[in-house]
Each structure stands twice: as C-alpha cells, then as structure tokens.
Amino acid sequence: MSQDNTENIEKENIEKEIIQDENVSENQPVALTVEEQLQEDLAKEKDKFLRLFAEFENYKKRTTKERIDLFKTANQEVLQSMLPVLDDFDRAWDQISKSEDEALVTGVALIHEKLKSTLMSKGLEVVEIKAGDDFNADFAEAITQIPAPSQELKGKIVDVIEKGYKLGDKIIRFPKVVIGN
C-alpha cells in the first residue's frame, strides 16, 4: 500500500504541475522569437527616425520662413524713423511748390522725389486711404470725430491728418484720420 500510494501521489503531483504550467502559460504572453523581437525593435527605431526627420523638416521650414520675414522687415526700424522726415518734407513741398522761384521748386522737387523713390525701393508703400472712404479700424487710426459735413460722410473718413505706411504686408504706421459723426 505504501508503494501504490506513493506512486499515486507522485502521479497526482505531476498532473498538478502540468495543469499549473498550462495555466501559467495561458496567462503569460507568448514568447517572441529572436527574429520577431528584432523586427519589432526595427519598427520602433524606424518610427522614431521618421518622427525625428519630420520634426527636423518642420524646423527647417520654420527657420527659413522666419529668415525671410526678418529680411523683409529688417529695415523697418530705420524706415519708421525716416517717416517724420518724409512728412516734414511733404509739408515743405506743399509750401515751396507755390513759390515763384522756378530753380528752387525744381531743386526741391528732385530731392523730394529722390527721397520718396529711395524709401519706396526699400519696400515702403503708402496706405491708400482718402476722404470719403469707409472707416476700417484695421487700416486706420481715428484721431477724432466731428459732425459730418454731409449725410454721405457719416461714419466715413472726413480728413486724413497723417499718411500711413506699410512695409510689405505689414502696416508700420497707421494713417491718422478724422471720422464724420
């Protein structure tokens, strides 16, 4: 009896171990082969490389765009400091053009035109706005409102006090206007 019991107990223990091993293997993921593991690692590295490459391409595009924008507006500060000089020159031209001295008028006209053409060659443009246009706060700065001289000028620009200028697509000085109320 002891030998049969011992054999039966051993068989039962072996069967229990087999059942436990089967249960454990069902709960654990199937082990990957070396080749499958390498392919999975390669796929992860490819994904990481593609993401890094795309990020670098975006960086190059962004810096190129920033550089182009910088070149477009690099002389903005200098042009802005020249605008009061241009305004003064325009006012002086209005007075001198009424003079009877032809030599003075011709000389000042040449200098005035040269200054304007030099600034325009650097990208400076006048913001075209005139009396009678609809007021748009995106393109003009309202200095004051006055009673409209006529019904047509209500809510519209009555007078342009100071010209506005833009450099490329960016307005560097808004025109100052009076609005009819």
Protein backbone atom coordinates (compact mmCIF):
# COMPACT_ATOMS: atom_id res chain seq x y z
CA MET A 1 0.00 0.00 0.00
CA SER A 2 2.70 2.43 0.65
CA GLN A 3 4.28 1.91 -2.76
CA ASP A 4 0.96 2.30 -4.58
CA ASN A 5 0.10 5.33 -2.52
CA THR A 6 3.45 6.89 -3.21
CA GLU A 7 3.08 6.28 -6.96
CA ASN A 8 -0.44 7.71 -6.94
CA ILE A 9 0.67 10.77 -5.00
CA GLU A 10 3.57 11.31 -7.42
CA LYS A 11 1.22 10.98 -10.43
CA GLU A 12 -1.17 13.47 -8.86
CA ASN A 13 1.68 15.91 -8.16
CA ILE A 14 2.94 15.62 -11.73
CA GLU A 15 -0.59 16.16 -13.10
CA LYS A 16 -0.99 19.21 -10.84
CA GLU A 17 2.33 20.63 -12.05
CA ILE A 18 1.31 20.10 -15.68
CA ILE A 19 -2.04 21.79 -15.07
CA GLN A 20 -0.30 24.69 -13.27
CA ASP A 21 2.22 25.04 -16.10
CA GLU A 22 -0.62 25.14 -18.63
CA ASN A 23 -2.44 27.80 -16.60
CA VAL A 24 0.69 29.89 -16.23
CA SER A 25 1.49 29.69 -19.95
CA GLU A 26 -2.08 30.74 -20.81
CA ASN A 27 -1.75 33.89 -18.63
CA GLN A 28 1.70 34.85 -19.94
CA PRO A 29 2.19 36.28 -23.42
CA VAL A 30 3.71 34.01 -25.96
CA ALA A 31 7.47 34.48 -26.05
CA LEU A 32 8.68 36.10 -29.26
CA THR A 33 11.38 34.57 -31.31
CA VAL A 34 14.63 36.45 -31.70
CA GLU A 35 13.73 37.39 -35.28
CA GLU A 36 10.31 38.74 -34.27
CA GLN A 37 11.88 40.71 -31.42
CA LEU A 38 14.44 42.24 -33.81
CA GLN A 39 11.71 43.15 -36.31
CA GLU A 40 9.71 44.81 -33.56
CA ASP A 41 12.78 46.79 -32.41
CA LEU A 42 13.49 47.78 -36.03
CA ALA A 43 9.90 49.03 -36.47
CA LYS A 44 10.22 51.12 -33.29
CA GLU A 45 13.51 52.62 -34.46
CA LYS A 46 12.09 53.38 -37.92
CA ASP A 47 9.13 55.14 -36.31
CA LYS A 48 11.45 57.14 -34.05
CA PHE A 49 13.62 58.07 -37.07
CA LEU A 50 10.64 59.18 -39.16
CA ARG A 51 9.32 61.34 -36.35
CA LEU A 52 12.74 62.92 -35.82
CA PHE A 53 13.14 63.52 -39.57
CA ALA A 54 9.69 65.14 -39.81
CA GLU A 55 10.47 67.33 -36.81
CA PHE A 56 13.74 68.43 -38.43
CA GLU A 57 11.98 69.23 -41.73
CA ASN A 58 9.43 71.35 -39.85
CA TYR A 59 12.28 73.13 -38.07
CA LYS A 60 13.99 73.90 -41.40
CA LYS A 61 10.76 75.26 -42.90
CA ARG A 62 10.05 77.38 -39.82
CA THR A 63 13.54 78.89 -39.68
CA THR A 64 13.52 79.58 -43.43
CA LYS A 65 10.18 81.38 -43.10
CA GLU A 66 11.45 83.36 -40.10
CA ARG A 67 14.60 84.33 -42.00
CA ILE A 68 12.57 85.53 -45.00
CA ASP A 69 10.28 87.54 -42.71
CA LEU A 70 13.33 89.03 -41.00
CA PHE A 71 14.83 90.12 -44.31
CA LYS A 72 11.52 91.66 -45.35
CA THR A 73 11.26 93.75 -42.21
CA ALA A 74 14.95 94.17 -41.31
CA ASN A 75 14.94 97.85 -42.22
CA GLN A 76 11.58 98.54 -40.55
CA GLU A 77 13.12 100.47 -37.68
CA VAL A 78 15.14 102.72 -39.99
CA LEU A 79 12.16 103.35 -42.25
CA GLN A 80 9.95 104.18 -39.26
CA SER A 81 12.48 106.75 -38.07
CA MET A 82 12.53 108.29 -41.59
CA LEU A 83 8.73 108.72 -41.76
CA PRO A 84 8.64 112.00 -39.78
CA VAL A 85 11.34 113.38 -42.09
CA LEU A 86 9.24 112.38 -45.10
CA ASP A 87 6.16 114.02 -43.52
CA ASP A 88 8.08 117.24 -42.92
CA PHE A 89 9.39 117.13 -46.47
CA ASP A 90 5.83 116.66 -47.84
CA ARG A 91 4.62 119.69 -45.84
CA ALA A 92 7.60 121.76 -47.01
CA TRP A 93 6.95 120.67 -50.60
CA ASP A 94 3.35 121.86 -50.35
CA GLN A 95 4.61 125.34 -49.37
CA ILE A 96 7.57 125.51 -51.77
CA SER A 97 5.55 124.33 -54.77
CA LYS A 98 3.60 127.60 -54.52
CA SER A 99 6.82 129.63 -54.84
CA GLU A 100 7.61 131.63 -57.93
CA ASP A 101 11.32 130.73 -57.89
CA GLU A 102 11.50 128.02 -60.57
CA ALA A 103 15.05 126.91 -59.68
CA LEU A 104 14.09 126.38 -56.01
CA VAL A 105 10.92 124.49 -56.94
CA THR A 106 12.80 122.24 -59.39
CA GLY A 107 15.65 121.51 -56.95
CA VAL A 108 13.35 120.68 -54.05
CA ALA A 109 11.14 118.56 -56.34
CA LEU A 110 14.17 116.49 -57.38
CA ILE A 111 15.27 115.95 -53.78
CA HIS A 112 11.72 115.15 -52.66
CA GLU A 113 11.27 112.61 -55.46
CA LYS A 114 14.64 111.03 -54.76
CA LEU A 115 13.85 110.59 -51.05
CA LYS A 116 10.45 109.05 -51.82
CA SER A 117 11.84 106.72 -54.50
CA THR A 118 14.66 105.57 -52.22
CA LEU A 119 12.24 104.73 -49.41
CA MET A 120 9.86 103.02 -51.84
CA SER A 121 12.74 100.92 -53.25
CA LYS A 122 13.31 99.60 -49.72
CA GLY A 123 9.72 98.29 -49.66
CA LEU A 124 7.88 101.23 -48.12
CA GLU A 125 4.36 101.75 -49.51
CA VAL A 126 1.73 104.39 -48.77
CA VAL A 127 -1.51 103.04 -47.28
CA GLU A 128 -4.04 104.32 -49.79
CA ILE A 129 -6.86 105.97 -47.89
CA LYS A 130 -8.70 109.19 -48.69
CA ALA A 131 -11.63 111.31 -47.57
CA GLY A 132 -14.93 109.64 -48.32
CA ASP A 133 -13.68 106.06 -47.76
CA ASP A 134 -15.40 103.84 -45.21
CA PHE A 135 -13.59 103.80 -41.88
CA ASN A 136 -11.94 100.47 -41.08
CA ALA A 137 -10.13 100.26 -37.73
CA ASP A 138 -7.84 97.56 -39.15
CA PHE A 139 -6.30 100.02 -41.62
CA ALA A 140 -6.62 103.45 -39.99
CA GLU A 141 -6.45 105.14 -36.62
CA ALA A 142 -9.28 107.52 -35.76
CA ILE A 143 -7.94 110.66 -34.09
CA THR A 144 -11.28 112.35 -33.53
CA GLN A 145 -14.89 112.51 -34.66
CA ILE A 146 -16.55 115.64 -35.94
CA PRO A 147 -20.10 116.34 -37.09
CA ALA A 148 -20.31 115.10 -40.66
CA PRO A 149 -20.43 117.95 -43.22
CA SER A 150 -22.91 115.89 -45.26
CA GLN A 151 -25.05 112.78 -44.86
CA GLU A 152 -22.75 110.79 -47.18
CA LEU A 153 -19.79 111.26 -44.82
CA LYS A 154 -21.45 109.86 -41.67
CA GLY A 155 -19.26 107.02 -40.39
CA LYS A 156 -16.75 107.70 -43.14
CA ILE A 157 -13.38 109.39 -43.29
CA VAL A 158 -13.70 113.18 -43.46
CA ASP A 159 -9.98 114.06 -43.50
CA VAL A 160 -6.61 112.30 -43.47
CA ILE A 161 -4.34 114.01 -40.93
CA GLU A 162 -1.24 111.83 -41.41
CA LYS A 163 -0.40 109.30 -44.12
CA GLY A 164 0.03 105.67 -43.21
CA TYR A 165 2.77 103.39 -44.49
CA LYS A 166 3.31 99.68 -44.81
CA LEU A 167 6.36 97.53 -45.34
CA GLY A 168 5.40 94.51 -47.39
CA ASP A 169 2.07 93.33 -45.97
CA LYS A 170 2.66 94.79 -42.51
CA ILE A 171 1.42 98.27 -41.64
CA ILE A 172 4.23 100.07 -39.82
CA ARG A 173 2.28 103.30 -39.29
CA PHE A 174 -1.48 103.58 -39.46
CA PRO A 175 -2.98 106.59 -41.19
CA LYS A 176 -4.48 109.07 -38.74
CA VAL A 177 -7.95 110.16 -39.81
CA VAL A 178 -10.95 112.24 -38.75
CA ILE A 179 -14.34 110.49 -38.90
CA GLY A 180 -17.71 112.08 -39.58
CA ASN A 181 -20.25 111.53 -36.84
